[in-house]
Amino acid sequence: MATVSETIQVSGIRCEKCVMRLAKTLEGVAGLESANANLMGQVQLSYDDERTTRDALVETMARGGFREQLFV
């Protein structure tokens, strides 16, 4: 098991209720060990890369209304 930890910037977090909604969106995702979000839209993820992928987690968040912000 290889645990990956990273921070992803997302849009759609404006209040504590949004943070709780994001947590509910990610609840039960196989391989996700922890997820913590703040009001600035930073989501700290820790997951087993043999059971899930970064793309799968980003897709799950997008289905909940939270889009990854890419900075160029």
N, C-alpha and C. Protein backbone atom coordinates (compact mmCIF):
# COMPACT_ATOMS: atom_id res chain seq x y z
N MET A 1 0.84 -1.18 0.00
CA MET A 1 0.00 0.00 0.00
C MET A 1 0.89 1.25 0.00
N ALA A 2 0.65 2.11 -0.97
CA ALA A 2 1.39 3.37 -1.06
C ALA A 2 0.43 4.52 -0.80
N THR A 3 0.66 5.22 0.29
CA THR A 3 -0.20 6.35 0.63
C THR A 3 0.33 7.61 -0.03
N VAL A 4 -0.57 8.30 -0.71
CA VAL A 4 -0.23 9.56 -1.38
C VAL A 4 -0.93 10.68 -0.62
N SER A 5 -0.20 11.75 -0.36
CA SER A 5 -0.78 12.93 0.28
C SER A 5 -0.54 14.13 -0.62
N GLU A 6 -1.59 14.90 -0.87
CA GLU A 6 -1.44 16.09 -1.68
C GLU A 6 -2.56 17.07 -1.37
N THR A 7 -2.35 18.30 -1.80
CA THR A 7 -3.34 19.35 -1.63
C THR A 7 -3.84 19.78 -3.00
N ILE A 8 -5.15 19.85 -3.13
CA ILE A 8 -5.78 20.26 -4.38
C ILE A 8 -6.59 21.51 -4.11
N GLN A 9 -6.50 22.48 -5.00
CA GLN A 9 -7.28 23.71 -4.89
C GLN A 9 -8.58 23.52 -5.66
N VAL A 10 -9.71 23.78 -5.00
CA VAL A 10 -11.01 23.64 -5.67
C VAL A 10 -11.84 24.91 -5.53
N SER A 11 -12.77 25.09 -6.45
CA SER A 11 -13.73 26.18 -6.33
C SER A 11 -15.02 25.60 -5.78
N GLY A 12 -15.87 26.45 -5.25
CA GLY A 12 -17.16 26.00 -4.74
C GLY A 12 -17.25 25.97 -3.23
N ILE A 13 -16.16 26.28 -2.55
CA ILE A 13 -16.19 26.32 -1.08
C ILE A 13 -16.28 27.78 -0.66
N ARG A 14 -17.43 28.13 -0.05
CA ARG A 14 -17.65 29.51 0.36
C ARG A 14 -17.97 29.65 1.86
N CYS A 15 -18.29 28.52 2.50
CA CYS A 15 -18.68 28.58 3.91
C CYS A 15 -18.45 27.22 4.56
N GLU A 16 -18.67 27.17 5.87
CA GLU A 16 -18.50 25.91 6.60
C GLU A 16 -19.44 24.82 6.10
N LYS A 17 -20.63 25.23 5.67
CA LYS A 17 -21.60 24.26 5.14
C LYS A 17 -21.05 23.60 3.87
N CYS A 18 -20.33 24.39 3.06
CA CYS A 18 -19.69 23.85 1.85
C CYS A 18 -18.62 22.82 2.21
N VAL A 19 -17.86 23.13 3.25
CA VAL A 19 -16.82 22.20 3.71
C VAL A 19 -17.47 20.88 4.14
N MET A 20 -18.58 20.97 4.86
CA MET A 20 -19.28 19.76 5.30
C MET A 20 -19.87 19.01 4.11
N ARG A 21 -20.37 19.75 3.10
CA ARG A 21 -20.92 19.11 1.91
C ARG A 21 -19.83 18.37 1.14
N LEU A 22 -18.63 18.96 1.08
CA LEU A 22 -17.51 18.30 0.42
C LEU A 22 -17.15 17.01 1.16
N ALA A 23 -17.12 17.08 2.48
CA ALA A 23 -16.81 15.88 3.28
C ALA A 23 -17.84 14.79 3.00
N LYS A 24 -19.10 15.16 2.91
CA LYS A 24 -20.16 14.19 2.63
C LYS A 24 -19.99 13.60 1.23
N THR A 25 -19.58 14.43 0.28
CA THR A 25 -19.35 13.98 -1.09
C THR A 25 -18.26 12.91 -1.15
N LEU A 26 -17.21 13.09 -0.36
CA LEU A 26 -16.07 12.16 -0.38
C LEU A 26 -16.25 10.97 0.56
N GLU A 27 -17.25 11.02 1.42
CA GLU A 27 -17.48 9.96 2.40
C GLU A 27 -17.66 8.61 1.71
N GLY A 28 -16.94 7.63 2.16
CA GLY A 28 -17.10 6.28 1.65
C GLY A 28 -16.34 5.95 0.39
N VAL A 29 -15.54 6.87 -0.13
CA VAL A 29 -14.74 6.57 -1.33
C VAL A 29 -13.66 5.56 -0.94
N ALA A 30 -13.66 4.43 -1.63
CA ALA A 30 -12.69 3.37 -1.34
C ALA A 30 -11.27 3.89 -1.54
N GLY A 31 -10.43 3.67 -0.57
CA GLY A 31 -9.03 4.05 -0.66
C GLY A 31 -8.72 5.43 -0.10
N LEU A 32 -9.75 6.24 0.13
CA LEU A 32 -9.52 7.57 0.70
C LEU A 32 -9.32 7.43 2.20
N GLU A 33 -8.17 7.87 2.68
CA GLU A 33 -7.86 7.75 4.10
C GLU A 33 -8.27 8.99 4.88
N SER A 34 -8.07 10.17 4.27
CA SER A 34 -8.51 11.40 4.93
C SER A 34 -8.66 12.51 3.91
N ALA A 35 -9.53 13.45 4.23
CA ALA A 35 -9.74 14.63 3.40
C ALA A 35 -10.11 15.78 4.33
N ASN A 36 -9.38 16.86 4.23
CA ASN A 36 -9.64 18.05 5.04
C ASN A 36 -9.65 19.26 4.12
N ALA A 37 -10.69 20.06 4.22
CA ALA A 37 -10.81 21.25 3.40
C ALA A 37 -10.85 22.49 4.29
N ASN A 38 -10.41 23.61 3.71
CA ASN A 38 -10.52 24.88 4.42
C ASN A 38 -11.34 25.85 3.58
N LEU A 39 -11.64 27.00 4.14
CA LEU A 39 -12.49 27.98 3.47
C LEU A 39 -11.81 28.65 2.28
N MET A 40 -10.51 28.43 2.10
CA MET A 40 -9.79 28.97 0.95
C MET A 40 -9.84 28.01 -0.23
N GLY A 41 -10.52 26.88 -0.06
CA GLY A 41 -10.67 25.92 -1.14
C GLY A 41 -9.54 24.92 -1.27
N GLN A 42 -8.70 24.84 -0.27
CA GLN A 42 -7.60 23.87 -0.29
C GLN A 42 -8.09 22.58 0.35
N VAL A 43 -7.95 21.48 -0.40
CA VAL A 43 -8.38 20.18 0.09
C VAL A 43 -7.15 19.30 0.23
N GLN A 44 -6.86 18.88 1.45
CA GLN A 44 -5.73 18.00 1.71
C GLN A 44 -6.26 16.56 1.67
N LEU A 45 -5.69 15.79 0.76
CA LEU A 45 -6.12 14.40 0.58
C LEU A 45 -5.00 13.45 0.94
N SER A 46 -5.38 12.33 1.51
CA SER A 46 -4.46 11.24 1.76
C SER A 46 -5.20 9.97 1.32
N TYR A 47 -4.59 9.24 0.37
CA TYR A 47 -5.29 8.08 -0.19
C TYR A 47 -4.32 6.98 -0.59
N ASP A 48 -4.86 5.78 -0.65
CA ASP A 48 -4.12 4.59 -1.08
C ASP A 48 -4.18 4.55 -2.60
N ASP A 49 -3.04 4.75 -3.26
CA ASP A 49 -3.05 4.83 -4.72
C ASP A 49 -3.24 3.47 -5.40
N GLU A 50 -3.34 2.41 -4.62
CA GLU A 50 -3.67 1.10 -5.19
C GLU A 50 -5.19 0.88 -5.22
N ARG A 51 -5.93 1.72 -4.49
CA ARG A 51 -7.39 1.56 -4.40
C ARG A 51 -8.16 2.69 -5.07
N THR A 52 -7.51 3.83 -5.25
CA THR A 52 -8.16 4.96 -5.92
C THR A 52 -7.08 5.81 -6.57
N THR A 53 -7.53 6.77 -7.37
CA THR A 53 -6.58 7.65 -8.06
C THR A 53 -6.95 9.10 -7.78
N ARG A 54 -6.00 9.97 -8.06
CA ARG A 54 -6.25 11.41 -7.94
C ARG A 54 -7.41 11.81 -8.85
N ASP A 55 -7.39 11.30 -10.09
CA ASP A 55 -8.45 11.64 -11.05
C ASP A 55 -9.82 11.20 -10.55
N ALA A 56 -9.91 10.04 -9.93
CA ALA A 56 -11.19 9.55 -9.42
C ALA A 56 -11.69 10.46 -8.28
N LEU A 57 -10.78 10.92 -7.44
CA LEU A 57 -11.17 11.81 -6.34
C LEU A 57 -11.61 13.17 -6.88
N VAL A 58 -10.89 13.70 -7.86
CA VAL A 58 -11.25 14.99 -8.47
C VAL A 58 -12.61 14.87 -9.15
N GLU A 59 -12.86 13.74 -9.81
CA GLU A 59 -14.16 13.52 -10.46
C GLU A 59 -15.29 13.45 -9.44
N THR A 60 -15.05 12.77 -8.33
CA THR A 60 -16.06 12.68 -7.27
C THR A 60 -16.37 14.07 -6.71
N MET A 61 -15.33 14.88 -6.48
CA MET A 61 -15.56 16.24 -5.99
C MET A 61 -16.33 17.06 -7.02
N ALA A 62 -16.02 16.89 -8.30
CA ALA A 62 -16.72 17.63 -9.37
C ALA A 62 -18.20 17.28 -9.40
N ARG A 63 -18.52 16.01 -9.19
CA ARG A 63 -19.93 15.61 -9.14
C ARG A 63 -20.67 16.29 -7.99
N GLY A 64 -19.94 16.64 -6.94
CA GLY A 64 -20.53 17.33 -5.80
C GLY A 64 -20.54 18.84 -5.95
N GLY A 65 -20.03 19.33 -7.10
CA GLY A 65 -20.05 20.77 -7.36
C GLY A 65 -18.75 21.49 -7.04
N PHE A 66 -17.69 20.74 -6.78
CA PHE A 66 -16.39 21.31 -6.43
C PHE A 66 -15.42 21.02 -7.57
N ARG A 67 -15.01 22.06 -8.29
CA ARG A 67 -14.14 21.90 -9.45
C ARG A 67 -12.69 22.21 -9.09
N GLU A 68 -11.80 21.40 -9.60
CA GLU A 68 -10.37 21.66 -9.39
C GLU A 68 -10.00 22.95 -10.11
N GLN A 69 -9.22 23.78 -9.44
CA GLN A 69 -8.73 25.01 -10.04
C GLN A 69 -7.29 24.77 -10.49
N LEU A 70 -7.07 24.97 -11.76
CA LEU A 70 -5.73 24.82 -12.33
C LEU A 70 -5.14 26.20 -12.55
N PHE A 71 -3.94 26.41 -12.06
CA PHE A 71 -3.27 27.69 -12.22
C PHE A 71 -2.18 27.56 -13.25
N VAL A 72 -2.20 28.47 -14.19
CA VAL A 72 -1.20 28.44 -15.27
C VAL A 72 -0.31 29.64 -15.15
